[in-house]
Amino acid sequence: MEAWLRFARAPVFQTVLTWAALIATYIATDPGQNINWVFGPGSKPQQMLPPLAYLALEMTMLPVIVILPMHFLLKHLFAPT
């Protein structure tokens, strides 16, 4: 039971860690470097949205598009028999 609880909390911890990394990258790096794509997709900063709006969008979409689907896939692949 306790292992299941740790596994169920994994997406929350991964999301918090991802958000911390994105915020730290946004604060500490130059937009020209665009590390972790915090200023836009690809190598150049995007121009359509304000930078903080893009960061908020990225912070919202990463858990929905990457973290949760990967969590469910791995949960299915490595389910106890």
N, C-alpha and C. Protein backbone atom coordinates (compact mmCIF):
# COMPACT_ATOMS: atom_id res chain seq x y z
N MET A 1 0.82 -1.20 0.00
CA MET A 1 0.00 0.00 0.00
C MET A 1 0.86 1.26 0.00
N GLU A 2 1.89 1.27 0.82
CA GLU A 2 2.75 2.46 0.89
C GLU A 2 3.49 2.70 -0.43
N ALA A 3 3.90 1.65 -1.10
CA ALA A 3 4.56 1.81 -2.40
C ALA A 3 3.59 2.42 -3.41
N TRP A 4 2.33 2.04 -3.35
CA TRP A 4 1.34 2.61 -4.25
C TRP A 4 1.18 4.10 -4.00
N LEU A 5 1.16 4.50 -2.73
CA LEU A 5 1.03 5.92 -2.41
C LEU A 5 2.21 6.72 -2.94
N ARG A 6 3.41 6.16 -2.80
CA ARG A 6 4.59 6.85 -3.34
C ARG A 6 4.48 6.96 -4.85
N PHE A 7 4.00 5.93 -5.50
CA PHE A 7 3.87 5.94 -6.95
C PHE A 7 2.80 6.93 -7.40
N ALA A 8 1.73 7.05 -6.62
CA ALA A 8 0.65 7.97 -6.96
C ALA A 8 1.07 9.42 -6.79
N ARG A 9 2.01 9.68 -5.90
CA ARG A 9 2.48 11.05 -5.68
C ARG A 9 3.57 11.45 -6.68
N ALA A 10 4.09 10.52 -7.42
CA ALA A 10 5.19 10.80 -8.34
C ALA A 10 4.91 11.92 -9.33
N PRO A 11 3.73 11.98 -9.97
CA PRO A 11 3.48 13.08 -10.91
C PRO A 11 3.50 14.44 -10.24
N VAL A 12 3.05 14.50 -8.99
CA VAL A 12 3.06 15.77 -8.27
C VAL A 12 4.50 16.22 -8.03
N PHE A 13 5.33 15.33 -7.54
CA PHE A 13 6.73 15.67 -7.29
C PHE A 13 7.45 16.03 -8.58
N GLN A 14 7.18 15.29 -9.64
CA GLN A 14 7.82 15.58 -10.92
C GLN A 14 7.38 16.94 -11.46
N THR A 15 6.12 17.27 -11.29
CA THR A 15 5.62 18.57 -11.74
C THR A 15 6.27 19.71 -10.96
N VAL A 16 6.35 19.56 -9.65
CA VAL A 16 6.98 20.60 -8.82
C VAL A 16 8.45 20.76 -9.19
N LEU A 17 9.14 19.67 -9.40
CA LEU A 17 10.55 19.74 -9.80
C LEU A 17 10.70 20.40 -11.17
N THR A 18 9.83 20.06 -12.10
CA THR A 18 9.86 20.67 -13.42
C THR A 18 9.60 22.17 -13.34
N TRP A 19 8.60 22.56 -12.56
CA TRP A 19 8.29 23.98 -12.41
C TRP A 19 9.46 24.74 -11.80
N ALA A 20 10.10 24.14 -10.80
CA ALA A 20 11.26 24.79 -10.17
C ALA A 20 12.39 24.98 -11.18
N ALA A 21 12.64 23.96 -11.99
CA ALA A 21 13.69 24.07 -13.00
C ALA A 21 13.36 25.12 -14.05
N LEU A 22 12.10 25.19 -14.48
CA LEU A 22 11.71 26.18 -15.48
C LEU A 22 11.81 27.61 -14.92
N ILE A 23 11.36 27.81 -13.71
CA ILE A 23 11.44 29.14 -13.10
C ILE A 23 12.89 29.56 -12.89
N ALA A 24 13.71 28.65 -12.40
CA ALA A 24 15.13 28.97 -12.20
C ALA A 24 15.81 29.28 -13.53
N THR A 25 15.49 28.53 -14.55
CA THR A 25 16.05 28.78 -15.87
C THR A 25 15.60 30.13 -16.41
N TYR A 26 14.33 30.46 -16.24
CA TYR A 26 13.80 31.73 -16.72
C TYR A 26 14.50 32.90 -16.03
N ILE A 27 14.72 32.78 -14.73
CA ILE A 27 15.33 33.87 -13.96
C ILE A 27 16.83 33.99 -14.24
N ALA A 28 17.51 32.86 -14.35
CA ALA A 28 18.97 32.87 -14.35
C ALA A 28 19.63 32.86 -15.74
N THR A 29 18.87 32.71 -16.81
CA THR A 29 19.52 32.59 -18.12
C THR A 29 19.11 33.72 -19.05
N ASP A 30 19.88 33.86 -20.09
CA ASP A 30 19.66 34.87 -21.12
C ASP A 30 18.62 34.34 -22.12
N PRO A 31 17.66 35.18 -22.53
CA PRO A 31 16.67 34.72 -23.52
C PRO A 31 17.30 34.21 -24.82
N GLY A 32 18.46 34.73 -25.18
CA GLY A 32 19.13 34.28 -26.40
C GLY A 32 19.57 32.83 -26.33
N GLN A 33 19.84 32.34 -25.12
CA GLN A 33 20.24 30.93 -24.96
C GLN A 33 19.03 30.00 -25.02
N ASN A 34 17.89 30.46 -24.49
CA ASN A 34 16.63 29.72 -24.51
C ASN A 34 16.78 28.29 -23.98
N ILE A 35 17.42 28.17 -22.84
CA ILE A 35 17.60 26.86 -22.21
C ILE A 35 16.25 26.38 -21.71
N ASN A 36 15.97 25.10 -21.87
CA ASN A 36 14.70 24.46 -21.50
C ASN A 36 13.51 25.06 -22.23
N TRP A 37 13.75 25.79 -23.27
CA TRP A 37 12.70 26.41 -24.09
C TRP A 37 11.78 27.30 -23.27
N VAL A 38 12.32 27.98 -22.25
CA VAL A 38 11.46 28.81 -21.40
C VAL A 38 11.07 30.12 -22.06
N PHE A 39 11.70 30.47 -23.17
CA PHE A 39 11.35 31.70 -23.88
C PHE A 39 10.66 31.44 -25.21
N GLY A 40 10.57 30.19 -25.61
CA GLY A 40 9.91 29.84 -26.85
C GLY A 40 10.39 28.50 -27.35
N PRO A 41 9.60 27.86 -28.22
CA PRO A 41 10.02 26.58 -28.78
C PRO A 41 11.17 26.78 -29.76
N GLY A 42 12.12 25.89 -29.71
CA GLY A 42 13.25 25.99 -30.62
C GLY A 42 14.38 26.82 -30.04
N SER A 43 15.25 27.28 -30.91
CA SER A 43 16.45 27.97 -30.45
C SER A 43 16.26 29.46 -30.25
N LYS A 44 15.19 30.04 -30.78
CA LYS A 44 14.97 31.49 -30.65
C LYS A 44 13.75 31.76 -29.79
N PRO A 45 13.77 32.86 -29.02
CA PRO A 45 12.59 33.23 -28.23
C PRO A 45 11.40 33.53 -29.14
N GLN A 46 10.22 33.16 -28.67
CA GLN A 46 9.01 33.41 -29.44
C GLN A 46 8.58 34.87 -29.25
N GLN A 47 7.78 35.39 -30.18
CA GLN A 47 7.37 36.78 -30.16
C GLN A 47 5.85 36.97 -30.04
N MET A 48 5.07 35.90 -30.06
CA MET A 48 3.61 36.02 -30.09
C MET A 48 3.02 36.36 -28.72
N LEU A 49 3.56 35.79 -27.65
CA LEU A 49 3.02 35.98 -26.31
C LEU A 49 4.02 36.75 -25.45
N PRO A 50 3.54 37.41 -24.41
CA PRO A 50 4.48 37.96 -23.44
C PRO A 50 5.30 36.82 -22.81
N PRO A 51 6.55 37.07 -22.47
CA PRO A 51 7.41 35.98 -21.96
C PRO A 51 6.82 35.22 -20.76
N LEU A 52 6.24 35.94 -19.81
CA LEU A 52 5.67 35.24 -18.65
C LEU A 52 4.43 34.43 -19.01
N ALA A 53 3.67 34.89 -19.98
CA ALA A 53 2.51 34.13 -20.43
C ALA A 53 2.96 32.84 -21.10
N TYR A 54 4.02 32.92 -21.90
CA TYR A 54 4.55 31.71 -22.53
C TYR A 54 5.05 30.73 -21.46
N LEU A 55 5.77 31.26 -20.45
CA LEU A 55 6.27 30.40 -19.38
C LEU A 55 5.11 29.72 -18.65
N ALA A 56 4.05 30.46 -18.34
CA ALA A 56 2.88 29.88 -17.68
C ALA A 56 2.23 28.81 -18.55
N LEU A 57 2.15 29.06 -19.84
CA LEU A 57 1.60 28.07 -20.76
C LEU A 57 2.46 26.81 -20.78
N GLU A 58 3.76 26.98 -20.82
CA GLU A 58 4.67 25.84 -20.81
C GLU A 58 4.55 25.06 -19.50
N MET A 59 4.44 25.78 -18.38
CA MET A 59 4.32 25.12 -17.08
C MET A 59 3.00 24.37 -16.96
N THR A 60 1.98 24.81 -17.67
CA THR A 60 0.69 24.13 -17.65
C THR A 60 0.70 22.92 -18.58
N MET A 61 1.28 23.08 -19.75
CA MET A 61 1.20 22.02 -20.76
C MET A 61 2.17 20.86 -20.51
N LEU A 62 3.33 21.11 -19.95
CA LEU A 62 4.28 20.01 -19.72
C LEU A 62 3.70 18.90 -18.84
N PRO A 63 3.08 19.21 -17.72
CA PRO A 63 2.48 18.11 -16.95
C PRO A 63 1.36 17.38 -17.71
N VAL A 64 0.57 18.12 -18.47
CA VAL A 64 -0.57 17.52 -19.17
C VAL A 64 -0.11 16.67 -20.36
N ILE A 65 0.87 17.16 -21.10
CA ILE A 65 1.28 16.49 -22.33
C ILE A 65 2.42 15.48 -22.13
N VAL A 66 3.27 15.72 -21.13
CA VAL A 66 4.44 14.85 -20.96
C VAL A 66 4.37 14.03 -19.67
N ILE A 67 4.23 14.68 -18.53
CA ILE A 67 4.37 13.99 -17.25
C ILE A 67 3.25 12.99 -16.99
N LEU A 68 1.99 13.41 -17.12
CA LEU A 68 0.88 12.48 -16.84
C LEU A 68 0.81 11.31 -17.83
N PRO A 69 0.90 11.55 -19.14
CA PRO A 69 0.89 10.38 -20.04
C PRO A 69 2.04 9.41 -19.78
N MET A 70 3.23 9.94 -19.48
CA MET A 70 4.36 9.06 -19.19
C MET A 70 4.12 8.29 -17.89
N HIS A 71 3.53 8.94 -16.92
CA HIS A 71 3.21 8.27 -15.65
C HIS A 71 2.27 7.09 -15.88
N PHE A 72 1.19 7.33 -16.64
CA PHE A 72 0.23 6.26 -16.89
C PHE A 72 0.82 5.15 -17.75
N LEU A 73 1.64 5.50 -18.72
CA LEU A 73 2.29 4.48 -19.55
C LEU A 73 3.21 3.60 -18.71
N LEU A 74 4.05 4.22 -17.89
CA LEU A 74 4.96 3.43 -17.05
C LEU A 74 4.21 2.64 -15.99
N LYS A 75 3.14 3.21 -15.47
CA LYS A 75 2.32 2.49 -14.51
C LYS A 75 1.72 1.24 -15.14
N HIS A 76 1.29 1.36 -16.40
CA HIS A 76 0.73 0.22 -17.12
C HIS A 76 1.81 -0.81 -17.45
N LEU A 77 2.97 -0.35 -17.90
CA LEU A 77 4.04 -1.28 -18.31
C LEU A 77 4.66 -2.03 -17.12
N PHE A 78 4.73 -1.36 -15.97
CA PHE A 78 5.41 -1.96 -14.83
C PHE A 78 4.44 -2.28 -13.68
N ALA A 79 3.21 -2.55 -14.00
CA ALA A 79 2.21 -2.90 -12.98
C ALA A 79 2.55 -4.24 -12.38
N PRO A 80 2.35 -4.37 -11.06
CA PRO A 80 2.60 -5.66 -10.44
C PRO A 80 1.64 -6.71 -10.97
N THR A 81 2.13 -7.92 -11.12
CA THR A 81 1.29 -8.99 -11.68
C THR A 81 0.56 -9.73 -10.60
